[in-house]
Amino acid sequence: MEKHVLALQLSHILGEKFPREWIYDHIETPKLEKMGDLAFPCFKLSPSLRKPPQELANELALQLKHDLFESVQPVSGYINIFLNKKFTTEHTLKQILTERENFGKHQFGKGKTVVLDLSAPNIAKPFSMGHLRSTVIGNAIANLAEHCGYETIKINYIGDYGTQFGKLLAAYKKWGDEQRIQSNPIAELTKIYVRFHEESKNHPQLIEEGRLWFKKLEHQDEEALRLWKWFKDASLEEFDKIYHLLGVTFDLTRGEAYYNDKMEATVDLLKKRHLLKASDGAQVVRLDEQGLPPCLIKKSDGTTIYATRDLTAAIDRYQSYSFDEALYVVGHEQSLHFQQIKHVLNKLELPWADSIKHISFGMMLQNGSKMSTRRGKTILLEQVLEEAIHKAKVNIEEKNPKLTNKNDAARQVGVGAVIFHDLKHDRRNDVEFSLNDMLTFEGNTAPYLQYAYVRARSLLQKGDFDEQHADPHLEEEITWPLVKQLKAFPHVVEQSYMNYDPSKTAKYLLELARTFNQFYTHSKIIGGSDQQAKLTLVFSFTIVIKEGLQLLGIEAPEEM
């Protein structure tokens, strides 16, 4: 609110040459508390107004007046604003108490639809730690979008097609054991897939066998289809166990194979627009003017490639949902692919092509290297989640053996630890897998946040807090840092979504919890004359941190 007020006043003083939106975007939050709560750099105005920044700061500071502002100080070309603590505290707490879980929500996405492509594991392969990133980043971005008013459609675009399945079918025909695969499908299918790649190094004819089996699959061969469907159904059943543990749901689960009978329409459209060109027997769309290699549409043997399916899927999704944004939460190694897809859609003169955005992220590394199923180098997510839950339960047994809901609490803490370990990193950075770091229950972790919430709930119970008699009137200086943190939540939500970056929310929650713990440590909350007012602040904290955790897909246990 205070940024809007400051922007409105400055735009009124400066005139239409400096619109409110421009001023709002240039308002800063000083790093040092002594520099105020807000600051506006007059250096941005100086060239147009032909006055030194300090002179402008002096003139504007005299004209800025509002109940929200305790003082306005021109310093070194900046206008530093100190907020009225009493006014801001009362307004912030009243707003949280009134809006509850709606605090931090926005309406700028109202009436708009966002389609998200996330998770997308490959059938017949284990759900590894490498798949965790797309799943939890995409889910958190969807939650943030909904908090900003958008309608979201979450699509799990299963990898159930492509040349790798020809290799898998060839491997099964050579080494597959039906009974063993039925008893442990993913592990056994992975084993023969890895063996295929090892054997093909010395027996290159295996690669040709894989191509032939994929061609059979494309031509609806009865045996190929039967085996493929078996592998797919077994895989989806295993994946659902992971999604249930993570608390992730989808509006649509659809595989690449769904578009098999729809791709020719896309190829025909490309031909009709004279975009399809021959290249060494293959068919491509040239992207020379974009400085990109050609986008391969059909291979020389007539088989399709995933670009053909992705183009078809994009067209189908727009026809189905008329999206305003289509977000593809896929690793950065696919950046070239999505550049090509977007440019081809633009060449087709589809007006929505620029609404497609690749939300890239770094890799999950193991000892500095990318995980790979074909090399047998992978860490299974289900095992990590189970170990995290087990360790959480051991900790709970040690610290709170009388807790009645140990299993639920252990699941919430263990799964939360795994999710937060990923989301606290900027999505664009690689993340080194470390079970020890992930399962540490102190420091920059989900359990640290969850425990802050539990501690606050315990305070409310101990103080017999009644929200019907909440008191937002606080006088002590020690409460101000926590009030400021709570007040920042709506802005953090907005920025997290606008940047498609859940780590902004994760880092905010860590700072919020640290500020609460400092308040808890240095302030007498229970037994003082202002107990009800301080408990009102604590109650407001529980609302915000619980909502923030939920945005990241993490539960807040009532006890630990």
Protein backbone atom coordinates (compact mmCIF):
# COMPACT_ATOMS: atom_id res chain seq x y z
CA MET A 1 0.00 0.00 0.00
CA GLU A 2 2.70 2.49 1.02
CA LYS A 3 4.53 2.08 -2.33
CA HIS A 4 1.31 2.88 -4.18
CA VAL A 5 0.74 5.97 -2.02
CA LEU A 6 4.30 7.20 -2.58
CA ALA A 7 4.10 6.56 -6.33
CA LEU A 8 0.73 8.33 -6.56
CA GLN A 9 1.98 11.40 -4.68
CA LEU A 10 5.21 11.67 -6.68
CA SER A 11 3.40 11.28 -10.02
CA HIS A 12 0.94 14.01 -8.97
CA ILE A 13 3.80 16.34 -8.04
CA LEU A 14 5.93 15.58 -11.11
CA GLY A 15 3.14 15.52 -13.69
CA GLU A 16 2.20 13.14 -16.48
CA LYS A 17 5.76 12.97 -17.80
CA PHE A 18 6.47 10.51 -14.95
CA PRO A 19 3.49 8.11 -14.69
CA ARG A 20 2.66 6.38 -11.44
CA GLU A 21 3.59 2.92 -12.81
CA TRP A 22 7.08 4.12 -13.79
CA ILE A 23 7.67 5.69 -10.38
CA TYR A 24 6.35 2.56 -8.59
CA ASP A 25 8.85 0.37 -10.47
CA HIS A 26 11.75 2.58 -9.31
CA ILE A 27 10.89 2.69 -5.60
CA GLU A 28 13.50 0.77 -3.62
CA THR A 29 13.71 -0.91 -0.24
CA PRO A 30 16.91 0.24 1.53
CA LYS A 31 19.22 -2.49 2.79
CA LEU A 32 20.03 -0.56 5.96
CA GLU A 33 17.26 0.23 8.43
CA LYS A 34 18.76 3.64 9.16
CA MET A 35 18.10 4.60 5.53
CA GLY A 36 14.36 4.24 5.96
CA ASP A 37 11.67 1.81 4.85
CA LEU A 38 11.33 3.06 1.26
CA ALA A 39 13.56 5.12 -1.01
CA PHE A 40 13.22 6.84 -4.35
CA PRO A 41 16.38 7.65 -6.39
CA CYS A 42 16.13 11.13 -7.87
CA PHE A 43 18.98 10.28 -10.25
CA LYS A 44 16.25 8.83 -12.51
CA LEU A 45 14.62 12.28 -12.77
CA SER A 46 17.72 14.42 -13.08
CA PRO A 47 18.37 14.18 -16.87
CA SER A 48 14.78 15.10 -17.80
CA LEU A 49 14.30 17.85 -15.21
CA ARG A 50 17.85 19.24 -15.62
CA LYS A 51 18.45 19.52 -11.90
CA PRO A 52 20.97 17.81 -9.60
CA PRO A 53 19.56 14.74 -7.79
CA GLN A 54 20.08 16.27 -4.33
CA GLU A 55 18.23 19.45 -5.28
CA LEU A 56 15.32 17.39 -6.60
CA ALA A 57 15.32 15.25 -3.44
CA ASN A 58 15.18 18.40 -1.27
CA GLU A 59 12.27 19.89 -3.24
CA LEU A 60 10.21 16.70 -3.42
CA ALA A 61 10.73 15.76 0.24
CA LEU A 62 9.05 19.00 1.34
CA GLN A 63 5.92 18.16 -0.67
CA LEU A 64 5.46 14.53 0.42
CA LYS A 65 2.95 14.27 3.28
CA HIS A 66 0.74 11.38 4.38
CA ASP A 67 -0.39 9.65 7.59
CA LEU A 68 1.64 6.64 6.43
CA PHE A 69 4.89 8.64 6.53
CA GLU A 70 6.56 9.33 9.86
CA SER A 71 9.35 11.32 8.20
CA VAL A 72 10.70 12.09 4.72
CA GLN A 73 14.43 12.74 4.44
CA PRO A 74 16.46 13.81 1.38
CA VAL A 75 19.86 12.11 1.55
CA SER A 76 22.52 11.99 -1.20
CA GLY A 77 20.02 12.27 -4.05
CA TYR A 78 17.54 9.84 -2.52
CA ILE A 79 14.20 10.49 -0.84
CA ASN A 80 14.16 8.21 2.19
CA ILE A 81 10.77 7.43 3.66
CA PHE A 82 10.32 6.30 7.26
CA LEU A 83 6.88 4.78 7.77
CA ASN A 84 4.59 5.63 10.65
CA LYS A 85 5.06 2.48 12.73
CA LYS A 86 1.84 2.72 14.71
CA PHE A 87 -0.32 3.39 11.65
CA THR A 88 1.40 0.71 9.52
CA THR A 89 1.31 -1.93 12.27
CA GLU A 90 -2.41 -1.50 12.88
CA HIS A 91 -3.22 -1.46 9.18
CA THR A 92 -1.09 -4.55 8.43
CA LEU A 93 -2.42 -6.66 11.30
CA LYS A 94 -6.03 -5.66 10.63
CA GLN A 95 -5.58 -6.61 6.99
CA ILE A 96 -4.13 -10.04 7.86
CA LEU A 97 -6.83 -10.70 10.46
CA THR A 98 -9.56 -9.75 8.00
CA GLU A 99 -8.23 -11.49 4.91
CA ARG A 100 -6.66 -14.52 6.61
CA GLU A 101 -5.55 -17.00 3.92
CA ASN A 102 -6.46 -14.41 1.26
CA PHE A 103 -3.74 -12.07 2.53
CA GLY A 104 -1.16 -11.77 -0.22
CA LYS A 105 -3.58 -12.61 -3.01
CA HIS A 106 -3.83 -10.48 -6.15
CA GLN A 107 -6.36 -10.02 -8.91
CA PHE A 108 -4.14 -9.03 -11.84
CA GLY A 109 -4.55 -12.53 -13.28
CA LYS A 110 -8.34 -12.58 -12.98
CA GLY A 111 -10.02 -13.80 -16.15
CA LYS A 112 -6.74 -15.16 -17.54
CA THR A 113 -5.60 -18.76 -17.99
CA VAL A 114 -2.12 -20.21 -17.54
CA VAL A 115 -1.32 -23.68 -18.87
CA LEU A 116 1.69 -25.31 -17.23
CA ASP A 117 3.63 -28.26 -18.64
CA LEU A 118 5.45 -29.83 -15.71
CA SER A 119 6.98 -33.03 -14.33
CA ALA A 120 6.73 -35.13 -17.54
CA PRO A 121 8.64 -38.27 -16.55
CA ASN A 122 9.33 -40.97 -19.14
CA ILE A 123 7.46 -44.25 -18.84
CA ALA A 124 9.44 -47.39 -18.11
CA LYS A 125 12.07 -45.29 -16.33
CA PRO A 126 12.37 -44.58 -12.61
CA PHE A 127 11.12 -41.29 -11.18
CA SER A 128 14.53 -39.94 -10.29
CA MET A 129 15.74 -36.90 -8.40
CA GLY A 130 16.24 -35.34 -11.82
CA HIS A 131 12.45 -35.21 -12.25
CA LEU A 132 11.89 -33.56 -8.89
CA ARG A 133 12.83 -30.09 -10.14
CA SER A 134 10.21 -29.77 -12.90
CA THR A 135 7.56 -31.23 -10.59
CA VAL A 136 8.01 -29.01 -7.54
CA ILE A 137 9.02 -25.83 -9.41
CA GLY A 138 6.04 -26.17 -11.75
CA ASN A 139 3.66 -26.93 -8.89
CA ALA A 140 4.86 -23.90 -6.89
CA ILE A 141 4.53 -21.59 -9.91
CA ALA A 142 0.98 -22.89 -10.43
CA ASN A 143 0.16 -22.14 -6.78
CA LEU A 144 1.60 -18.63 -7.13
CA ALA A 145 -0.40 -18.07 -10.34
CA GLU A 146 -3.63 -19.06 -8.57
CA HIS A 147 -2.72 -16.67 -5.72
CA CYS A 148 -2.46 -13.92 -8.36
CA GLY A 149 -5.93 -14.65 -9.72
CA TYR A 150 -5.13 -16.84 -12.72
CA GLU A 151 -6.97 -20.02 -13.63
CA THR A 152 -4.33 -22.73 -13.99
CA ILE A 153 -4.26 -25.93 -16.02
CA LYS A 154 -1.48 -28.28 -14.89
CA ILE A 155 -0.53 -30.83 -17.54
CA ASN A 156 1.69 -33.84 -16.93
CA TYR A 157 2.98 -34.48 -20.44
CA ILE A 158 4.24 -38.03 -20.03
CA GLY A 159 7.15 -39.14 -22.20
CA ASP A 160 5.58 -42.24 -23.70
CA TYR A 161 6.83 -42.03 -27.27
CA GLY A 162 10.01 -41.70 -29.30
CA THR A 163 12.97 -43.76 -30.44
CA GLN A 164 13.91 -44.72 -26.88
CA PHE A 165 10.80 -46.89 -26.72
CA GLY A 166 11.92 -48.75 -29.80
CA LYS A 167 15.15 -49.48 -27.93
CA LEU A 168 13.20 -50.61 -24.88
CA LEU A 169 11.01 -52.93 -26.95
CA ALA A 170 14.10 -54.40 -28.62
CA ALA A 171 15.73 -54.85 -25.21
CA TYR A 172 12.64 -56.60 -23.83
CA LYS A 173 12.50 -59.01 -26.77
CA LYS A 174 16.14 -59.94 -26.17
CA TRP A 175 16.43 -60.07 -22.39
CA GLY A 176 13.02 -59.39 -20.84
CA ASP A 177 11.53 -61.71 -18.23
CA GLU A 178 7.75 -61.25 -18.03
CA GLN A 179 7.35 -62.49 -14.45
CA ARG A 180 10.18 -60.37 -13.08
CA ILE A 181 8.88 -57.29 -14.86
CA GLN A 182 5.37 -57.87 -13.54
CA SER A 183 6.68 -58.08 -9.97
CA ASN A 184 8.97 -55.02 -10.20
CA PRO A 185 8.28 -53.25 -13.52
CA ILE A 186 10.29 -50.03 -13.33
CA ALA A 187 13.45 -51.57 -11.88
CA GLU A 188 13.49 -54.45 -14.39
CA LEU A 189 12.69 -52.27 -17.40
CA THR A 190 15.44 -49.86 -16.36
CA LYS A 191 17.86 -52.76 -16.04
CA ILE A 192 17.28 -54.01 -19.60
CA TYR A 193 17.30 -50.42 -20.96
CA VAL A 194 20.72 -49.79 -19.39
CA ARG A 195 21.92 -53.15 -20.73
CA PHE A 196 20.79 -52.19 -24.24
CA HIS A 197 22.98 -49.08 -24.19
CA GLU A 198 25.95 -50.96 -22.80
CA GLU A 199 25.64 -53.80 -25.35
CA SER A 200 25.09 -51.42 -28.27
CA LYS A 201 28.59 -50.01 -27.81
CA ASN A 202 30.02 -53.29 -29.06
CA HIS A 203 27.02 -54.40 -31.13
CA PRO A 204 25.85 -51.39 -33.15
CA GLN A 205 23.24 -53.49 -34.94
CA LEU A 206 21.15 -53.18 -31.77
CA ILE A 207 20.53 -49.51 -32.61
CA GLU A 208 18.99 -50.56 -35.92
CA GLU A 209 16.80 -53.11 -34.11
CA GLY A 210 15.60 -50.30 -31.85
CA ARG A 211 14.71 -48.18 -34.89
CA LEU A 212 12.76 -51.05 -36.42
CA TRP A 213 10.75 -51.59 -33.24
CA PHE A 214 9.92 -47.89 -33.03
CA LYS A 215 8.75 -47.99 -36.63
CA LYS A 216 6.54 -50.97 -35.69
CA LEU A 217 5.11 -48.90 -32.85
CA GLU A 218 4.40 -45.99 -35.20
CA HIS A 219 2.63 -48.36 -37.59
CA GLN A 220 0.43 -49.75 -34.79
CA ASP A 221 2.00 -53.23 -34.75
CA GLU A 222 -0.11 -55.36 -32.39
CA GLU A 223 2.75 -56.78 -30.30
CA ALA A 224 4.56 -53.47 -30.06
CA LEU A 225 1.38 -51.71 -28.92
CA ARG A 226 0.59 -54.41 -26.33
CA LEU A 227 4.04 -54.23 -24.73
CA TRP A 228 4.11 -50.42 -24.88
CA LYS A 229 0.70 -50.15 -23.15
CA TRP A 230 1.81 -52.60 -20.44
CA PHE A 231 4.98 -50.59 -19.76
CA LYS A 232 2.96 -47.34 -19.69
CA ASP A 233 0.24 -48.53 -17.28
CA ALA A 234 2.82 -50.01 -14.88
CA SER A 235 4.81 -46.77 -14.94
CA LEU A 236 1.84 -44.48 -14.28
CA GLU A 237 0.87 -46.59 -11.28
CA GLU A 238 4.35 -46.14 -9.83
CA PHE A 239 4.40 -42.40 -10.59
CA ASP A 240 1.09 -41.87 -8.79
CA LYS A 241 2.69 -43.09 -5.54
CA ILE A 242 5.31 -40.32 -5.84
CA TYR A 243 2.77 -37.61 -6.66
CA HIS A 244 0.64 -38.65 -3.70
CA LEU A 245 3.64 -38.30 -1.36
CA LEU A 246 4.53 -34.89 -2.84
CA GLY A 247 0.92 -33.71 -2.70
CA VAL A 248 1.03 -32.80 -6.40
CA THR A 249 -2.04 -33.16 -8.60
CA PHE A 250 -2.68 -32.52 -12.29
CA ASP A 251 -5.65 -31.33 -14.29
CA LEU A 252 -4.59 -33.49 -17.23
CA THR A 253 -2.16 -36.37 -17.67
CA ARG A 254 -1.47 -36.94 -21.34
CA GLY A 255 1.33 -38.69 -23.17
CA GLU A 256 3.11 -37.71 -26.36
CA ALA A 257 1.47 -40.68 -28.10
CA TYR A 258 -1.90 -38.93 -27.86
CA TYR A 259 -0.78 -36.76 -30.78
CA ASN A 260 0.21 -39.59 -33.12
CA ASP A 261 -2.90 -39.25 -35.27
CA LYS A 262 -2.89 -35.45 -35.05
CA MET A 263 0.64 -34.68 -36.25
CA GLU A 264 -0.15 -34.99 -39.96
CA ALA A 265 -2.47 -31.99 -39.64
CA THR A 266 0.49 -29.99 -38.31
CA VAL A 267 2.75 -31.23 -41.11
CA ASP A 268 0.05 -30.32 -43.66
CA LEU A 269 -0.26 -26.82 -42.14
CA LEU A 270 3.51 -26.34 -42.45
CA LYS A 271 3.35 -27.48 -46.08
CA LYS A 272 0.41 -25.18 -46.81
CA ARG A 273 2.41 -22.21 -45.50
CA HIS A 274 5.41 -23.34 -47.62
CA LEU A 275 7.56 -23.71 -44.51
CA LEU A 276 8.56 -27.37 -44.90
CA LYS A 277 11.87 -27.90 -46.72
CA ALA A 278 13.77 -31.05 -47.72
CA SER A 279 17.17 -31.60 -46.09
CA ASP A 280 19.14 -34.82 -46.70
CA GLY A 281 15.91 -36.77 -47.05
CA ALA A 282 14.41 -35.25 -43.88
CA GLN A 283 11.81 -32.47 -43.65
CA VAL A 284 12.67 -29.33 -41.69
CA VAL A 285 11.59 -25.77 -41.07
CA ARG A 286 14.54 -23.48 -41.67
CA LEU A 287 15.28 -20.83 -39.03
CA ASP A 288 18.28 -19.15 -40.65
CA GLU A 289 17.01 -15.62 -40.08
CA GLN A 290 16.68 -16.39 -36.36
CA GLY A 291 20.27 -17.67 -36.26
CA LEU A 292 19.09 -21.14 -35.25
CA PRO A 293 19.57 -24.60 -36.77
CA PRO A 294 16.62 -26.03 -38.71
CA CYS A 295 13.72 -27.49 -36.73
CA LEU A 296 13.47 -31.17 -37.70
CA ILE A 297 9.87 -32.22 -38.39
CA LYS A 298 10.29 -35.65 -40.02
CA LYS A 299 13.38 -37.84 -40.17
CA SER A 300 14.65 -39.32 -43.42
CA ASP A 301 12.94 -42.65 -42.60
CA GLY A 302 9.59 -40.85 -42.30
CA THR A 303 9.29 -41.10 -38.50
CA THR A 304 8.32 -38.07 -36.46
CA ILE A 305 10.35 -36.34 -33.77
CA TYR A 306 9.33 -34.73 -30.48
CA ALA A 307 9.33 -31.25 -32.09
CA THR A 308 6.44 -32.38 -34.30
CA ARG A 309 4.54 -33.57 -31.25
CA ASP A 310 5.29 -30.42 -29.25
CA LEU A 311 4.05 -28.20 -32.09
CA THR A 312 0.88 -30.28 -32.33
CA ALA A 313 0.43 -30.25 -28.55
CA ALA A 314 0.81 -26.45 -28.39
CA ILE A 315 -1.85 -25.95 -31.07
CA ASP A 316 -4.16 -28.42 -29.32
CA ARG A 317 -3.70 -26.71 -25.95
CA TYR A 318 -4.57 -23.31 -27.33
CA GLN A 319 -7.65 -24.71 -29.05
CA SER A 320 -8.68 -26.39 -25.78
CA TYR A 321 -7.90 -23.64 -23.25
CA SER A 322 -7.34 -20.32 -25.10
CA PHE A 323 -4.45 -19.71 -22.72
CA ASP A 324 -2.92 -16.32 -21.96
CA GLU A 325 0.36 -17.97 -21.01
CA ALA A 326 1.75 -21.45 -21.68
CA LEU A 327 4.64 -22.23 -19.35
CA TYR A 328 6.95 -25.15 -20.11
CA VAL A 329 8.80 -26.03 -16.90
CA VAL A 330 11.65 -27.96 -18.51
CA GLY A 331 15.41 -28.09 -17.92
CA HIS A 332 17.65 -25.49 -19.57
CA GLU A 333 19.24 -28.13 -21.82
CA GLN A 334 16.04 -27.91 -23.89
CA SER A 335 16.38 -24.15 -24.47
CA LEU A 336 17.22 -24.52 -28.18
CA HIS A 337 14.25 -26.84 -28.69
CA PHE A 338 11.77 -24.35 -27.23
CA GLN A 339 13.30 -21.47 -29.17
CA GLN A 340 12.71 -23.49 -32.33
CA ILE A 341 9.13 -24.38 -31.35
CA LYS A 342 8.28 -20.75 -30.63
CA HIS A 343 9.79 -19.50 -33.90
CA VAL A 344 8.00 -22.16 -35.96
CA LEU A 345 4.67 -21.19 -34.35
CA ASN A 346 5.45 -17.55 -35.16
CA LYS A 347 6.18 -18.52 -38.77
CA LEU A 348 2.73 -20.12 -38.83
CA GLU A 349 1.47 -16.63 -37.87
CA LEU A 350 -0.36 -17.92 -34.80
CA PRO A 351 -1.14 -14.81 -32.70
CA TRP A 352 -0.59 -16.63 -29.41
CA ALA A 353 2.93 -17.90 -30.24
CA ASP A 354 4.65 -15.32 -28.02
CA SER A 355 2.55 -16.47 -25.05
CA ILE A 356 4.69 -19.61 -24.91
CA LYS A 357 7.49 -19.37 -22.36
CA HIS A 358 10.22 -21.82 -21.47
CA ILE A 359 10.68 -21.76 -17.68
CA SER A 360 14.11 -23.32 -17.61
CA PHE A 361 15.97 -24.67 -14.62
CA GLY A 362 19.39 -26.10 -13.82
CA MET A 363 20.22 -29.75 -13.47
CA MET A 364 20.20 -31.95 -10.39
CA LEU A 365 23.82 -33.09 -10.24
CA GLN A 366 25.43 -36.06 -8.58
CA ASN A 367 29.11 -35.50 -7.79
CA GLY A 368 29.14 -32.67 -10.31
CA SER A 369 27.68 -34.74 -13.17
CA LYS A 370 24.23 -35.02 -14.72
CA MET A 371 22.19 -38.03 -13.67
CA SER A 372 21.48 -40.49 -16.50
CA THR A 373 19.19 -43.51 -16.65
CA ARG A 374 20.92 -44.98 -19.70
CA ARG A 375 24.24 -45.01 -17.81
CA GLY A 376 22.54 -46.43 -14.75
CA LYS A 377 23.52 -43.29 -12.84
CA THR A 378 20.41 -42.10 -11.04
CA ILE A 379 18.96 -41.62 -7.56
CA LEU A 380 15.36 -42.67 -7.05
CA LEU A 381 13.10 -39.95 -5.67
CA GLU A 382 10.85 -42.42 -3.87
CA GLN A 383 13.82 -43.76 -1.89
CA VAL A 384 14.91 -40.24 -0.96
CA LEU A 385 11.39 -39.35 0.22
CA GLU A 386 11.13 -42.55 2.26
CA GLU A 387 14.51 -41.92 3.89
CA ALA A 388 13.57 -38.31 4.63
CA ILE A 389 10.32 -39.42 6.28
CA HIS A 390 12.18 -42.08 8.30
CA LYS A 391 14.77 -39.59 9.53
CA ALA A 392 12.04 -37.11 10.44
CA LYS A 393 10.25 -39.79 12.47
CA VAL A 394 13.47 -40.69 14.32
CA ASN A 395 13.96 -37.01 15.23
CA ILE A 396 10.35 -36.70 16.40
CA GLU A 397 10.68 -39.86 18.53
CA GLU A 398 13.74 -38.36 20.23
CA LYS A 399 12.36 -34.85 20.80
CA ASN A 400 8.64 -35.43 21.28
CA PRO A 401 7.96 -39.13 22.02
CA LYS A 402 4.43 -38.37 23.27
CA LEU A 403 3.32 -36.87 19.95
CA THR A 404 0.15 -38.68 18.86
CA ASN A 405 0.36 -38.17 15.08
CA LYS A 406 4.02 -39.11 14.55
CA ASN A 407 3.50 -40.65 11.11
CA ASP A 408 1.65 -37.65 9.68
CA ALA A 409 4.15 -35.19 11.16
CA ALA A 410 7.11 -37.24 9.87
CA ARG A 411 5.62 -37.28 6.37
CA GLN A 412 4.98 -33.51 6.43
CA VAL A 413 8.49 -32.75 7.71
CA GLY A 414 10.37 -35.29 5.55
CA VAL A 415 8.63 -34.45 2.28
CA GLY A 416 8.79 -30.73 3.07
CA ALA A 417 12.55 -31.01 3.57
CA VAL A 418 13.02 -32.52 0.11
CA ILE A 419 10.78 -29.96 -1.64
CA PHE A 420 12.30 -26.94 0.10
CA HIS A 421 15.87 -28.09 -0.58
CA ASP A 422 15.08 -27.67 -4.26
CA LEU A 423 12.92 -24.53 -4.14
CA LYS A 424 15.26 -22.45 -1.99
CA HIS A 425 17.69 -22.37 -4.95
CA ASP A 426 17.25 -20.01 -7.87
CA ARG A 427 15.66 -22.33 -10.45
CA ARG A 428 18.26 -21.38 -13.08
CA ASN A 429 21.13 -22.78 -11.01
CA ASP A 430 22.28 -26.40 -10.90
CA VAL A 431 21.64 -28.17 -7.59
CA GLU A 432 24.10 -30.70 -6.20
CA PHE A 433 22.29 -33.67 -4.72
CA SER A 434 23.17 -34.05 -1.05
CA LEU A 435 21.03 -36.19 1.17
CA ASN A 436 22.71 -34.78 4.28
CA ASP A 437 21.98 -31.15 3.30
CA MET A 438 18.45 -32.02 2.29
CA LEU A 439 17.64 -33.73 5.57
CA THR A 440 19.28 -31.25 7.93
CA PHE A 441 16.64 -30.01 10.31
CA GLU A 442 18.42 -26.78 11.20
CA GLY A 443 19.34 -23.71 9.15
CA ASN A 444 17.87 -22.94 5.73
CA THR A 445 15.44 -25.83 5.67
CA ALA A 446 11.72 -26.52 5.66
CA PRO A 447 11.85 -28.10 9.15
CA TYR A 448 13.24 -24.79 10.45
CA LEU A 449 10.20 -23.00 9.01
CA GLN A 450 7.78 -25.67 10.18
CA TYR A 451 9.19 -25.54 13.70
CA ALA A 452 8.79 -21.75 13.79
CA TYR A 453 5.12 -22.27 12.91
CA VAL A 454 4.71 -24.98 15.58
CA ARG A 455 6.42 -22.77 18.18
CA ALA A 456 4.05 -19.91 17.33
CA ARG A 457 0.98 -22.16 17.55
CA SER A 458 2.19 -23.38 20.94
CA LEU A 459 2.51 -19.78 22.14
CA LEU A 460 -1.07 -19.05 21.10
CA GLN A 461 -2.30 -22.11 22.98
CA LYS A 462 -0.24 -21.28 26.05
CA GLY A 463 -1.50 -17.69 26.05
CA ASP A 464 -5.11 -18.83 25.52
CA PHE A 465 -5.34 -16.54 22.50
CA ASP A 466 -8.84 -15.70 21.31
CA GLU A 467 -8.85 -14.19 17.83
CA GLN A 468 -12.27 -12.69 18.51
CA HIS A 469 -10.45 -10.32 20.88
CA ALA A 470 -7.40 -9.72 18.71
CA ASP A 471 -5.59 -6.45 19.40
CA PRO A 472 -3.56 -4.91 16.54
CA HIS A 473 -2.24 -2.02 18.66
CA LEU A 474 1.46 -2.55 19.32
CA GLU A 475 3.87 0.00 20.74
CA GLU A 476 7.15 -1.84 21.35
CA GLU A 477 9.95 -1.15 18.87
CA ILE A 478 10.93 -4.84 18.91
CA THR A 479 7.73 -5.78 17.07
CA TRP A 480 8.43 -3.53 14.06
CA PRO A 481 10.86 -5.80 12.13
CA LEU A 482 8.30 -8.64 12.22
CA VAL A 483 5.48 -6.34 11.15
CA LYS A 484 7.58 -5.15 8.19
CA GLN A 485 8.26 -8.74 7.16
CA LEU A 486 4.56 -9.65 7.31
CA LYS A 487 3.65 -6.54 5.34
CA ALA A 488 6.03 -7.57 2.53
CA PHE A 489 4.25 -10.88 1.81
CA PRO A 490 1.88 -9.64 -0.95
CA HIS A 491 4.77 -8.03 -2.82
CA VAL A 492 6.85 -11.21 -2.52
CA VAL A 493 4.00 -13.29 -3.98
CA GLU A 494 3.68 -10.90 -6.90
CA GLN A 495 7.41 -10.85 -7.62
CA SER A 496 7.71 -14.63 -7.26
CA TYR A 497 5.11 -15.17 -9.94
CA MET A 498 6.19 -12.35 -12.25
CA ASN A 499 9.71 -13.85 -12.26
CA TYR A 500 8.46 -17.47 -12.21
CA ASP A 501 10.82 -17.90 -9.26
CA PRO A 502 9.55 -19.73 -6.15
CA SER A 503 12.95 -19.21 -4.50
CA LYS A 504 11.91 -15.61 -3.79
CA THR A 505 9.09 -16.96 -1.61
CA ALA A 506 11.37 -19.57 -0.03
CA LYS A 507 14.01 -16.98 0.90
CA TYR A 508 11.35 -14.62 2.21
CA LEU A 509 9.97 -17.35 4.50
CA LEU A 510 13.44 -17.99 5.91
CA GLU A 511 13.84 -14.30 6.73
CA LEU A 512 10.33 -14.18 8.17
CA ALA A 513 11.06 -17.15 10.46
CA ARG A 514 14.39 -15.65 11.57
CA THR A 515 12.68 -12.37 12.40
CA PHE A 516 9.97 -14.18 14.36
CA ASN A 517 12.54 -16.20 16.31
CA GLN A 518 14.39 -12.99 17.23
CA PHE A 519 11.11 -11.49 18.43
CA TYR A 520 10.34 -14.69 20.36
CA THR A 521 13.80 -14.71 21.98
CA HIS A 522 14.02 -11.04 22.98
CA SER A 523 10.44 -10.13 23.85
CA LYS A 524 8.25 -11.10 26.77
CA ILE A 525 5.14 -12.34 25.02
CA ILE A 526 3.24 -14.27 27.69
CA GLY A 527 2.44 -12.44 30.93
CA GLY A 528 3.03 -8.87 29.87
CA SER A 529 0.46 -6.09 29.83
CA ASP A 530 0.42 -6.22 26.03
CA GLN A 531 0.09 -10.03 25.83
CA GLN A 532 -3.02 -9.96 23.66
CA ALA A 533 -1.46 -7.50 21.20
CA LYS A 534 1.76 -9.54 20.91
CA LEU A 535 -0.21 -12.77 20.49
CA THR A 536 -2.15 -11.04 17.72
CA LEU A 537 1.19 -10.46 16.00
CA VAL A 538 2.13 -14.12 16.57
CA PHE A 539 -1.24 -15.23 15.17
CA SER A 540 -0.68 -13.06 12.09
CA PHE A 541 2.73 -14.70 11.66
CA THR A 542 1.15 -18.18 11.68
CA ILE A 543 -1.29 -17.15 8.94
CA VAL A 544 1.44 -15.82 6.66
CA ILE A 545 4.06 -18.54 7.13
CA LYS A 546 1.48 -21.31 6.68
CA GLU A 547 0.20 -19.70 3.49
CA GLY A 548 3.76 -19.20 2.24
CA LEU A 549 4.62 -22.85 2.84
CA GLN A 550 1.47 -23.96 1.05
CA LEU A 551 2.46 -21.87 -1.98
CA LEU A 552 5.62 -23.97 -2.15
CA GLY A 553 3.64 -27.19 -1.79
CA ILE A 554 4.75 -27.79 1.82
CA GLU A 555 2.47 -28.59 4.75
CA ALA A 556 2.65 -26.89 8.14
CA PRO A 557 2.27 -29.45 10.94
CA GLU A 558 0.49 -28.31 14.10
CA GLU A 559 2.94 -30.31 16.24
CA MET A 560 6.43 -31.72 15.73
